[in-house]
Amino acid sequence: MSTAHSSPSSSPKSSSFSPKNSATTQNINPPIHPAFTISNITSFIKITLSIEKGQYSTWSELFKIHAGVHQVIDHIIPSETTSSPNLKDTDPNLWARLDVVVLQWIYGTFSDDLLHTIIERDSTTENAWNRLFNIFYDNKNSRAIYLGQEFSNVHMEQFPDASTYCQHLKSLSDQFSNVGALVSNERLVLQLISGLTNVYATVGSQIRHGDSLPPFYKARSMIILEETTKAKKAANSISNPAFVSSLDDNAASTTPYQQRNHRNNNNNNKDNGAGRGG
């Protein structure tokens, strides 16, 4: 009679250890928002905005780029789309902190006078941004007339060099855009040419008589190159005459002692000649 043997179980004994989900066992810190990594806004926006200089268009463009990169553009220009959840609704505490950060950026790029003009208690970033816009676009017709007069009376002799002259014209052109009166490239280049001194008449003629007026940056480069060339020629003209008039220089370089000896020799020669003739 066959004896029935119990066969060992073919399935392994189940382990009493079951690993838990890593997402539930580990404390994962939320990522730091990019805006919190900025410690010095002036390292990224290198313009100090003031009412006198009127660089609002350039400043605001740089600020919008910076805000877009660091994901806070909706604090100054609210998004009109509602397809995705708004941080203001999903995490109001984070939104409030970010709003203060962006407001700090704005105030940190102002001149003292402008800061005292625009700052208000418990302001939001959006309100400060809108107040700033109104300041630079206020009385724009009067400002456009004033800028037009100043723009037309800019001349190169008022500035220490060509670069400063060109930069001032470009700055005035940017201020026109602040009041909604854009300056075309043609007008900017023509004013650049008309304000040149007579020394730059040749390069001005080259710019003016092309098939079409070049972009402002190219006209600027041509004028600065002309200035550099003239400066080198002037430096060379100081040293070259020493070689051209070397004979005169040699005569002038004799010492008083040598000059006295030369006169004495001439006198002796005259005396000897007179004695022989007597």
C-alpha atoms as a PDB file:
ATOM      1  CA  MET A   1       0.000   0.000   0.000  1.00  0.00           C
ATOM      2  CA  SER A   2       1.410   3.183  -1.059  1.00  0.00           C
ATOM      3  CA  THR A   3       1.913   5.791   1.579  1.00  0.00           C
ATOM      4  CA  ALA A   4       0.771   9.245   0.712  1.00  0.00           C
ATOM      5  CA  HIS A   5       3.485  11.823   1.277  1.00  0.00           C
ATOM      6  CA  SER A   6       2.613  15.414   1.680  1.00  0.00           C
ATOM      7  CA  SER A   7       4.485  17.375  -0.974  1.00  0.00           C
ATOM      8  CA  PRO A   8       6.176  20.545   0.084  1.00  0.00           C
ATOM      9  CA  SER A   9       4.497  23.667  -0.993  1.00  0.00           C
ATOM     10  CA  SER A  10       5.840  24.954  -4.288  1.00  0.00           C
ATOM     11  CA  SER A  11       4.956  28.578  -3.555  1.00  0.00           C
ATOM     12  CA  PRO A  12       7.447  30.532  -1.432  1.00  0.00           C
ATOM     13  CA  LYS A  13       6.405  31.801   1.921  1.00  0.00           C
ATOM     14  CA  SER A  14       5.081  35.286   1.659  1.00  0.00           C
ATOM     15  CA  SER A  15       7.310  37.881   3.283  1.00  0.00           C
ATOM     16  CA  SER A  16       5.986  39.904   6.122  1.00  0.00           C
ATOM     17  CA  PHE A  17       7.787  43.070   4.726  1.00  0.00           C
ATOM     18  CA  SER A  18       5.914  45.125   2.163  1.00  0.00           C
ATOM     19  CA  PRO A  19       7.610  48.354   1.031  1.00  0.00           C
ATOM     20  CA  LYS A  20       5.406  51.386   1.182  1.00  0.00           C
ATOM     21  CA  ASN A  21       4.996  53.940  -1.536  1.00  0.00           C
ATOM     22  CA  SER A  22       8.001  56.255  -1.619  1.00  0.00           C
ATOM     23  CA  ALA A  23       5.750  59.243  -2.157  1.00  0.00           C
ATOM     24  CA  THR A  24       4.084  58.592   1.190  1.00  0.00           C
ATOM     25  CA  THR A  25       7.201  57.668   3.163  1.00  0.00           C
ATOM     26  CA  GLN A  26       9.419  60.543   2.089  1.00  0.00           C
ATOM     27  CA  ASN A  27       8.918  64.161   2.895  1.00  0.00           C
ATOM     28  CA  ILE A  28       9.306  65.951  -0.429  1.00  0.00           C
ATOM     29  CA  ASN A  29       9.950  69.680  -0.125  1.00  0.00           C
ATOM     30  CA  PRO A  30       8.055  71.786  -2.651  1.00  0.00           C
ATOM     31  CA  PRO A  31      10.279  73.491  -5.228  1.00  0.00           C
ATOM     32  CA  ILE A  32      11.366  77.052  -4.538  1.00  0.00           C
ATOM     33  CA  HIS A  33       9.575  79.563  -6.711  1.00  0.00           C
ATOM     34  CA  PRO A  34      12.018  81.262  -9.156  1.00  0.00           C
ATOM     35  CA  ALA A  35      11.069  84.725  -7.897  1.00  0.00           C
ATOM     36  CA  PHE A  36      12.434  83.934  -4.440  1.00  0.00           C
ATOM     37  CA  THR A  37      15.927  83.320  -5.852  1.00  0.00           C
ATOM     38  CA  ILE A  38      16.463  86.977  -6.820  1.00  0.00           C
ATOM     39  CA  SER A  39      18.426  88.838  -4.176  1.00  0.00           C
ATOM     40  CA  ASN A  40      19.401  91.950  -6.143  1.00  0.00           C
ATOM     41  CA  ILE A  41      17.054  93.153  -8.870  1.00  0.00           C
ATOM     42  CA  THR A  42      19.542  95.759 -10.109  1.00  0.00           C
ATOM     43  CA  SER A  43      21.770  92.938 -11.332  1.00  0.00           C
ATOM     44  CA  PHE A  44      19.109  92.142 -13.933  1.00  0.00           C
ATOM     45  CA  ILE A  45      17.485  95.543 -14.569  1.00  0.00           C
ATOM     46  CA  LYS A  46      20.353  98.002 -14.837  1.00  0.00           C
ATOM     47  CA  ILE A  47      18.196 101.095 -15.377  1.00  0.00           C
ATOM     48  CA  THR A  48      17.277 103.381 -12.499  1.00  0.00           C
ATOM     49  CA  LEU A  49      13.928 104.783 -13.561  1.00  0.00           C
ATOM     50  CA  SER A  50      13.424 108.499 -13.018  1.00  0.00           C
ATOM     51  CA  ILE A  51      11.023 111.121 -14.289  1.00  0.00           C
ATOM     52  CA  GLU A  52      13.857 113.290 -15.591  1.00  0.00           C
ATOM     53  CA  LYS A  53      15.510 110.673 -17.795  1.00  0.00           C
ATOM     54  CA  GLY A  54      12.215 109.239 -19.000  1.00  0.00           C
ATOM     55  CA  GLN A  55      13.359 105.706 -19.814  1.00  0.00           C
ATOM     56  CA  TYR A  56      10.020 104.151 -18.975  1.00  0.00           C
ATOM     57  CA  SER A  57       9.616 102.206 -22.234  1.00  0.00           C
ATOM     58  CA  THR A  58      13.012 100.556 -21.912  1.00  0.00           C
ATOM     59  CA  TRP A  59      12.583  99.944 -18.195  1.00  0.00           C
ATOM     60  CA  SER A  60       9.093  98.451 -18.522  1.00  0.00           C
ATOM     61  CA  GLU A  61      10.185  96.132 -21.342  1.00  0.00           C
ATOM     62  CA  LEU A  62      13.112  94.840 -19.287  1.00  0.00           C
ATOM     63  CA  PHE A  63      10.860  94.412 -16.264  1.00  0.00           C
ATOM     64  CA  LYS A  64       8.245  92.447 -18.201  1.00  0.00           C
ATOM     65  CA  ILE A  65      10.930  90.130 -19.571  1.00  0.00           C
ATOM     66  CA  HIS A  66      12.318  89.562 -16.094  1.00  0.00           C
ATOM     67  CA  ALA A  67       8.852  88.943 -14.631  1.00  0.00           C
ATOM     68  CA  GLY A  68       8.036  86.496 -17.417  1.00  0.00           C
ATOM     69  CA  VAL A  69      11.207  84.506 -16.877  1.00  0.00           C
ATOM     70  CA  HIS A  70      10.483  84.220 -13.138  1.00  0.00           C
ATOM     71  CA  GLN A  71       6.804  83.332 -13.587  1.00  0.00           C
ATOM     72  CA  VAL A  72       5.258  86.448 -12.016  1.00  0.00           C
ATOM     73  CA  ILE A  73       4.132  88.365 -15.103  1.00  0.00           C
ATOM     74  CA  ASP A  74       0.488  88.026 -14.019  1.00  0.00           C
ATOM     75  CA  HIS A  75       1.224  90.203 -10.982  1.00  0.00           C
ATOM     76  CA  ILE A  76       1.715  93.234 -13.242  1.00  0.00           C
ATOM     77  CA  ILE A  77      -0.380  92.182 -16.237  1.00  0.00           C
ATOM     78  CA  PRO A  78      -3.244  89.926 -15.104  1.00  0.00           C
ATOM     79  CA  SER A  79      -3.959  87.030 -17.420  1.00  0.00           C
ATOM     80  CA  GLU A  80      -7.314  87.124 -19.179  1.00  0.00           C
ATOM     81  CA  THR A  81      -7.441  83.361 -19.745  1.00  0.00           C
ATOM     82  CA  THR A  82      -9.078  81.075 -17.188  1.00  0.00           C
ATOM     83  CA  SER A  83      -8.149  77.716 -18.696  1.00  0.00           C
ATOM     84  CA  SER A  84      -5.708  76.872 -15.898  1.00  0.00           C
ATOM     85  CA  PRO A  85      -6.131  77.334 -12.140  1.00  0.00           C
ATOM     86  CA  ASN A  86      -4.980  80.718 -10.879  1.00  0.00           C
ATOM     87  CA  LEU A  87      -2.333  80.715  -8.156  1.00  0.00           C
ATOM     88  CA  LYS A  88      -4.207  83.561  -6.536  1.00  0.00           C
ATOM     89  CA  ASP A  89      -7.106  81.171  -5.950  1.00  0.00           C
ATOM     90  CA  THR A  90      -5.247  77.908  -5.366  1.00  0.00           C
ATOM     91  CA  ASP A  91      -2.571  79.271  -2.998  1.00  0.00           C
ATOM     92  CA  PRO A  92      -3.419  82.806  -1.847  1.00  0.00           C
ATOM     93  CA  ASN A  93      -0.619  82.855   0.732  1.00  0.00           C
ATOM     94  CA  LEU A  94       2.033  82.157  -1.902  1.00  0.00           C
ATOM     95  CA  TRP A  95       0.432  84.688  -4.223  1.00  0.00           C
ATOM     96  CA  ALA A  96       0.583  87.365  -1.520  1.00  0.00           C
ATOM     97  CA  ARG A  97       4.275  86.668  -0.848  1.00  0.00           C
ATOM     98  CA  LEU A  98       5.113  86.803  -4.547  1.00  0.00           C
ATOM     99  CA  ASP A  99       3.189  90.036  -4.949  1.00  0.00           C
ATOM    100  CA  VAL A 100       5.311  91.665  -2.256  1.00  0.00           C
ATOM    101  CA  VAL A 101       8.467  90.368  -3.921  1.00  0.00           C
ATOM    102  CA  VAL A 102       7.549  91.867  -7.298  1.00  0.00           C
ATOM    103  CA  LEU A 103       6.524  95.139  -5.650  1.00  0.00           C
ATOM    104  CA  GLN A 104       9.938  95.200  -3.991  1.00  0.00           C
ATOM    105  CA  TRP A 105      11.540  94.743  -7.409  1.00  0.00           C
ATOM    106  CA  ILE A 106       9.636  97.735  -8.765  1.00  0.00           C
ATOM    107  CA  TYR A 107      10.552 100.030  -5.890  1.00  0.00           C
ATOM    108  CA  GLY A 108      14.159  98.837  -6.002  1.00  0.00           C
ATOM    109  CA  THR A 109      14.676 100.186  -9.530  1.00  0.00           C
ATOM    110  CA  PHE A 110      13.370 103.739  -8.909  1.00  0.00           C
ATOM    111  CA  SER A 111      15.147 106.987  -8.226  1.00  0.00           C
ATOM    112  CA  ASP A 112      14.445 108.521  -4.829  1.00  0.00           C
ATOM    113  CA  ASP A 113      12.150 111.203  -6.252  1.00  0.00           C
ATOM    114  CA  LEU A 114      10.079 108.723  -8.222  1.00  0.00           C
ATOM    115  CA  LEU A 115       9.878 106.351  -5.272  1.00  0.00           C
ATOM    116  CA  HIS A 116       8.473 109.066  -3.005  1.00  0.00           C
ATOM    117  CA  THR A 117       6.029 110.023  -5.741  1.00  0.00           C
ATOM    118  CA  ILE A 118       4.541 106.600  -6.354  1.00  0.00           C
ATOM    119  CA  ILE A 119       4.777 104.694  -3.076  1.00  0.00           C
ATOM    120  CA  GLU A 120       1.506 104.096  -1.214  1.00  0.00           C
ATOM    121  CA  ARG A 121       0.622 102.199   1.916  1.00  0.00           C
ATOM    122  CA  ASP A 122      -0.504  98.570   1.419  1.00  0.00           C
ATOM    123  CA  SER A 123      -0.257  98.839  -2.351  1.00  0.00           C
ATOM    124  CA  THR A 124      -0.429  95.831  -4.640  1.00  0.00           C
ATOM    125  CA  THR A 125       1.987  95.287  -7.484  1.00  0.00           C
ATOM    126  CA  GLU A 126      -0.689  95.782 -10.098  1.00  0.00           C
ATOM    127  CA  ASN A 127      -1.769  99.123  -8.612  1.00  0.00           C
ATOM    128  CA  ALA A 128       1.821 100.370  -8.456  1.00  0.00           C
ATOM    129  CA  TRP A 129       2.404  99.283 -12.054  1.00  0.00           C
ATOM    130  CA  ASN A 130      -0.689 101.162 -13.244  1.00  0.00           C
ATOM    131  CA  ARG A 131       0.196 104.299 -11.271  1.00  0.00           C
ATOM    132  CA  LEU A 132       3.624 104.270 -12.846  1.00  0.00           C
ATOM    133  CA  PHE A 133       2.120 104.043 -16.320  1.00  0.00           C
ATOM    134  CA  ASN A 134      -0.137 107.015 -15.620  1.00  0.00           C
ATOM    135  CA  ILE A 135       2.769 109.131 -14.362  1.00  0.00           C
ATOM    136  CA  PHE A 136       4.748 108.723 -17.565  1.00  0.00           C
ATOM    137  CA  TYR A 137       1.755 109.018 -19.891  1.00  0.00           C
ATOM    138  CA  ASP A 138       0.184 111.974 -18.085  1.00  0.00           C
ATOM    139  CA  ASN A 139       0.008 115.234 -20.101  1.00  0.00           C
ATOM    140  CA  LYS A 140       1.510 113.397 -23.038  1.00  0.00           C
ATOM    141  CA  ASN A 141       0.621 116.097 -25.562  1.00  0.00           C
ATOM    142  CA  SER A 142       2.573 118.732 -23.636  1.00  0.00           C
ATOM    143  CA  ARG A 143       5.448 116.348 -23.101  1.00  0.00           C
ATOM    144  CA  ALA A 144       5.502 115.476 -26.812  1.00  0.00           C
ATOM    145  CA  ILE A 145       5.812 119.171 -27.734  1.00  0.00           C
ATOM    146  CA  TYR A 146       8.636 119.674 -25.255  1.00  0.00           C
ATOM    147  CA  LEU A 147      10.466 116.567 -26.475  1.00  0.00           C
ATOM    148  CA  GLY A 148      10.050 117.648 -30.088  1.00  0.00           C
ATOM    149  CA  GLN A 149      11.732 120.982 -29.382  1.00  0.00           C
ATOM    150  CA  GLU A 150      14.592 119.363 -27.518  1.00  0.00           C
ATOM    151  CA  PHE A 151      15.014 116.653 -30.149  1.00  0.00           C
ATOM    152  CA  SER A 152      15.291 119.175 -32.990  1.00  0.00           C
ATOM    153  CA  ASN A 153      17.927 121.240 -31.184  1.00  0.00           C
ATOM    154  CA  VAL A 154      20.410 118.501 -30.379  1.00  0.00           C
ATOM    155  CA  HIS A 155      23.832 119.160 -31.905  1.00  0.00           C
ATOM    156  CA  MET A 156      27.042 117.204 -31.685  1.00  0.00           C
ATOM    157  CA  GLU A 157      29.137 120.077 -30.302  1.00  0.00           C
ATOM    158  CA  GLN A 158      27.064 119.938 -27.122  1.00  0.00           C
ATOM    159  CA  PHE A 159      28.594 116.574 -26.187  1.00  0.00           C
ATOM    160  CA  PRO A 160      32.124 115.349 -25.392  1.00  0.00           C
ATOM    161  CA  ASP A 161      32.134 112.595 -28.013  1.00  0.00           C
ATOM    162  CA  ALA A 162      30.096 110.959 -30.770  1.00  0.00           C
ATOM    163  CA  SER A 163      28.918 108.084 -28.587  1.00  0.00           C
ATOM    164  CA  THR A 164      27.354 110.413 -26.013  1.00  0.00           C
ATOM    165  CA  TYR A 165      25.704 112.432 -28.780  1.00  0.00           C
ATOM    166  CA  CYS A 166      24.163 109.342 -30.380  1.00  0.00           C
ATOM    167  CA  GLN A 167      23.016 107.957 -27.035  1.00  0.00           C
ATOM    168  CA  HIS A 168      21.254 111.194 -26.127  1.00  0.00           C
ATOM    169  CA  LEU A 169      19.301 111.168 -29.381  1.00  0.00           C
ATOM    170  CA  LYS A 170      18.309 107.547 -28.825  1.00  0.00           C
ATOM    171  CA  SER A 171      17.184 108.353 -25.274  1.00  0.00           C
ATOM    172  CA  LEU A 172      14.974 111.190 -26.529  1.00  0.00           C
ATOM    173  CA  SER A 173      13.542 108.836 -29.132  1.00  0.00           C
ATOM    174  CA  ASP A 174      12.613 106.372 -26.391  1.00  0.00           C
ATOM    175  CA  GLN A 175      10.937 109.144 -24.414  1.00  0.00           C
ATOM    176  CA  PHE A 176       8.738 109.925 -27.411  1.00  0.00           C
ATOM    177  CA  SER A 177       7.337 106.414 -27.224  1.00  0.00           C
ATOM    178  CA  ASN A 178       6.413 107.067 -23.586  1.00  0.00           C
ATOM    179  CA  VAL A 179       3.904 109.670 -24.762  1.00  0.00           C
ATOM    180  CA  GLY A 180       2.645 107.677 -27.723  1.00  0.00           C
ATOM    181  CA  ALA A 181       4.596 109.648 -30.350  1.00  0.00           C
ATOM    182  CA  LEU A 182       6.934 107.124 -31.928  1.00  0.00           C
ATOM    183  CA  VAL A 183       9.999 108.411 -33.772  1.00  0.00           C
ATOM    184  CA  SER A 184      10.642 106.583 -37.030  1.00  0.00           C
ATOM    185  CA  ASN A 185      14.109 105.338 -37.902  1.00  0.00           C
ATOM    186  CA  GLU A 186      14.235 107.793 -40.801  1.00  0.00           C
ATOM    187  CA  ARG A 187      13.551 110.796 -38.568  1.00  0.00           C
ATOM    188  CA  LEU A 188      16.061 109.619 -35.988  1.00  0.00           C
ATOM    189  CA  VAL A 189      18.831 109.107 -38.551  1.00  0.00           C
ATOM    190  CA  LEU A 190      18.118 112.413 -40.308  1.00  0.00           C
ATOM    191  CA  GLN A 191      18.334 114.265 -36.993  1.00  0.00           C
ATOM    192  CA  LEU A 192      21.562 112.415 -36.235  1.00  0.00           C
ATOM    193  CA  ILE A 193      23.046 113.646 -39.522  1.00  0.00           C
ATOM    194  CA  SER A 194      21.775 117.208 -39.281  1.00  0.00           C
ATOM    195  CA  GLY A 195      23.337 117.676 -35.861  1.00  0.00           C
ATOM    196  CA  LEU A 196      26.840 116.648 -36.937  1.00  0.00           C
ATOM    197  CA  THR A 197      29.678 119.161 -36.957  1.00  0.00           C
ATOM    198  CA  ASN A 198      31.424 120.162 -40.193  1.00  0.00           C
ATOM    199  CA  VAL A 199      34.264 117.769 -39.404  1.00  0.00           C
ATOM    200  CA  TYR A 200      31.837 114.867 -39.944  1.00  0.00           C
ATOM    201  CA  ALA A 201      30.320 116.236 -43.157  1.00  0.00           C
ATOM    202  CA  THR A 202      31.822 113.443 -45.253  1.00  0.00           C
ATOM    203  CA  VAL A 203      30.392 110.549 -43.250  1.00  0.00           C
ATOM    204  CA  GLY A 204      27.094 112.424 -42.971  1.00  0.00           C
ATOM    205  CA  SER A 205      26.955 112.672 -46.753  1.00  0.00           C
ATOM    206  CA  GLN A 206      27.677 108.955 -47.085  1.00  0.00           C
ATOM    207  CA  ILE A 207      24.780 108.111 -44.777  1.00  0.00           C
ATOM    208  CA  ARG A 208      22.388 110.527 -46.433  1.00  0.00           C
ATOM    209  CA  HIS A 209      23.099 109.622 -50.060  1.00  0.00           C
ATOM    210  CA  GLY A 210      22.624 105.875 -49.837  1.00  0.00           C
ATOM    211  CA  ASP A 211      19.771 104.127 -51.602  1.00  0.00           C
ATOM    212  CA  SER A 212      17.929 104.175 -48.287  1.00  0.00           C
ATOM    213  CA  LEU A 213      18.744 105.452 -44.832  1.00  0.00           C
ATOM    214  CA  PRO A 214      20.482 102.793 -42.731  1.00  0.00           C
ATOM    215  CA  PRO A 215      19.205 101.686 -39.322  1.00  0.00           C
ATOM    216  CA  PHE A 216      20.165 104.016 -36.515  1.00  0.00           C
ATOM    217  CA  TYR A 217      22.658 101.570 -34.994  1.00  0.00           C
ATOM    218  CA  LYS A 218      24.513 101.315 -38.311  1.00  0.00           C
ATOM    219  CA  ALA A 219      24.631 105.092 -38.798  1.00  0.00           C
ATOM    220  CA  ARG A 220      25.890 105.390 -35.242  1.00  0.00           C
ATOM    221  CA  SER A 221      28.669 102.869 -35.939  1.00  0.00           C
ATOM    222  CA  MET A 222      29.762 104.794 -39.046  1.00  0.00           C
ATOM    223  CA  ILE A 223      30.029 108.056 -37.091  1.00  0.00           C
ATOM    224  CA  ILE A 224      31.924 106.495 -34.189  1.00  0.00           C
ATOM    225  CA  LEU A 225      34.301 104.781 -36.634  1.00  0.00           C
ATOM    226  CA  GLU A 226      34.933 108.152 -38.266  1.00  0.00           C
ATOM    227  CA  GLU A 227      35.652 109.645 -34.846  1.00  0.00           C
ATOM    228  CA  THR A 228      38.119 106.837 -34.071  1.00  0.00           C
ATOM    229  CA  THR A 229      39.880 107.312 -37.422  1.00  0.00           C
ATOM    230  CA  LYS A 230      40.226 111.052 -36.881  1.00  0.00           C
ATOM    231  CA  ALA A 231      41.583 110.510 -33.384  1.00  0.00           C
ATOM    232  CA  LYS A 232      44.281 108.164 -34.732  1.00  0.00           C
ATOM    233  CA  LYS A 233      45.246 110.639 -37.452  1.00  0.00           C
ATOM    234  CA  ALA A 234      45.500 113.415 -34.894  1.00  0.00           C
ATOM    235  CA  ALA A 235      47.743 111.256 -32.700  1.00  0.00           C
ATOM    236  CA  ASN A 236      49.989 110.450 -35.647  1.00  0.00           C
ATOM    237  CA  SER A 237      50.213 114.080 -36.716  1.00  0.00           C
ATOM    238  CA  ILE A 238      51.748 114.915 -33.357  1.00  0.00           C
ATOM    239  CA  SER A 239      54.650 112.480 -33.790  1.00  0.00           C
ATOM    240  CA  ASN A 240      55.229 112.536 -37.574  1.00  0.00           C
ATOM    241  CA  PRO A 241      56.383 116.204 -37.893  1.00  0.00           C
ATOM    242  CA  ALA A 242      59.421 115.323 -35.778  1.00  0.00           C
ATOM    243  CA  PHE A 243      60.626 113.163 -38.660  1.00  0.00           C
ATOM    244  CA  VAL A 244      59.607 115.536 -41.427  1.00  0.00           C
ATOM    245  CA  SER A 245      61.401 118.526 -39.907  1.00  0.00           C
ATOM    246  CA  SER A 246      64.356 116.605 -38.538  1.00  0.00           C
ATOM    247  CA  LEU A 247      66.892 119.124 -39.829  1.00  0.00           C
ATOM    248  CA  ASP A 248      65.202 121.992 -38.051  1.00  0.00           C
ATOM    249  CA  ASP A 249      64.935 119.899 -34.934  1.00  0.00           C
ATOM    250  CA  ASN A 250      68.655 119.112 -35.043  1.00  0.00           C
ATOM    251  CA  ALA A 251      69.514 122.770 -35.357  1.00  0.00           C
ATOM    252  CA  ALA A 252      67.216 123.706 -32.550  1.00  0.00           C
ATOM    253  CA  SER A 253      68.540 120.921 -30.355  1.00  0.00           C
ATOM    254  CA  THR A 254      72.116 122.301 -30.138  1.00  0.00           C
ATOM    255  CA  THR A 255      73.107 123.375 -26.680  1.00  0.00           C
ATOM    256  CA  PRO A 256      73.927 127.016 -25.811  1.00  0.00           C
ATOM    257  CA  TYR A 257      77.564 125.962 -25.417  1.00  0.00           C
ATOM    258  CA  GLN A 258      77.611 124.562 -28.964  1.00  0.00           C
ATOM    259  CA  GLN A 259      75.932 127.700 -30.284  1.00  0.00           C
ATOM    260  CA  ARG A 260      78.554 129.962 -28.622  1.00  0.00           C
ATOM    261  CA  ASN A 261      81.390 127.902 -30.053  1.00  0.00           C
ATOM    262  CA  HIS A 262      79.831 128.136 -33.481  1.00  0.00           C
ATOM    263  CA  ARG A 263      79.599 131.924 -33.244  1.00  0.00           C
ATOM    264  CA  ASN A 264      83.181 132.191 -31.962  1.00  0.00           C
ATOM    265  CA  ASN A 265      84.469 130.086 -34.830  1.00  0.00           C
ATOM    266  CA  ASN A 266      82.643 132.281 -37.299  1.00  0.00           C
ATOM    267  CA  ASN A 267      84.100 135.419 -35.726  1.00  0.00           C
ATOM    268  CA  ASN A 268      87.633 133.963 -35.780  1.00  0.00           C
ATOM    269  CA  ASN A 269      87.250 133.070 -39.407  1.00  0.00           C
ATOM    270  CA  LYS A 270      86.166 136.633 -40.202  1.00  0.00           C
ATOM    271  CA  ASP A 271      89.122 138.105 -38.281  1.00  0.00           C
ATOM    272  CA  ASN A 272      91.626 135.820 -40.006  1.00  0.00           C
ATOM    273  CA  GLY A 273      90.214 136.713 -43.342  1.00  0.00           C
ATOM    274  CA  ALA A 274      90.433 140.425 -42.598  1.00  0.00           C
ATOM    275  CA  GLY A 275      94.052 140.113 -41.439  1.00  0.00           C
ATOM    276  CA  ARG A 276      95.094 138.344 -44.634  1.00  0.00           C
ATOM    277  CA  GLY A 277      93.464 140.990 -46.686  1.00  0.00           C
ATOM    278  CA  GLY A 278      95.368 143.802 -44.880  1.00  0.00           C
END
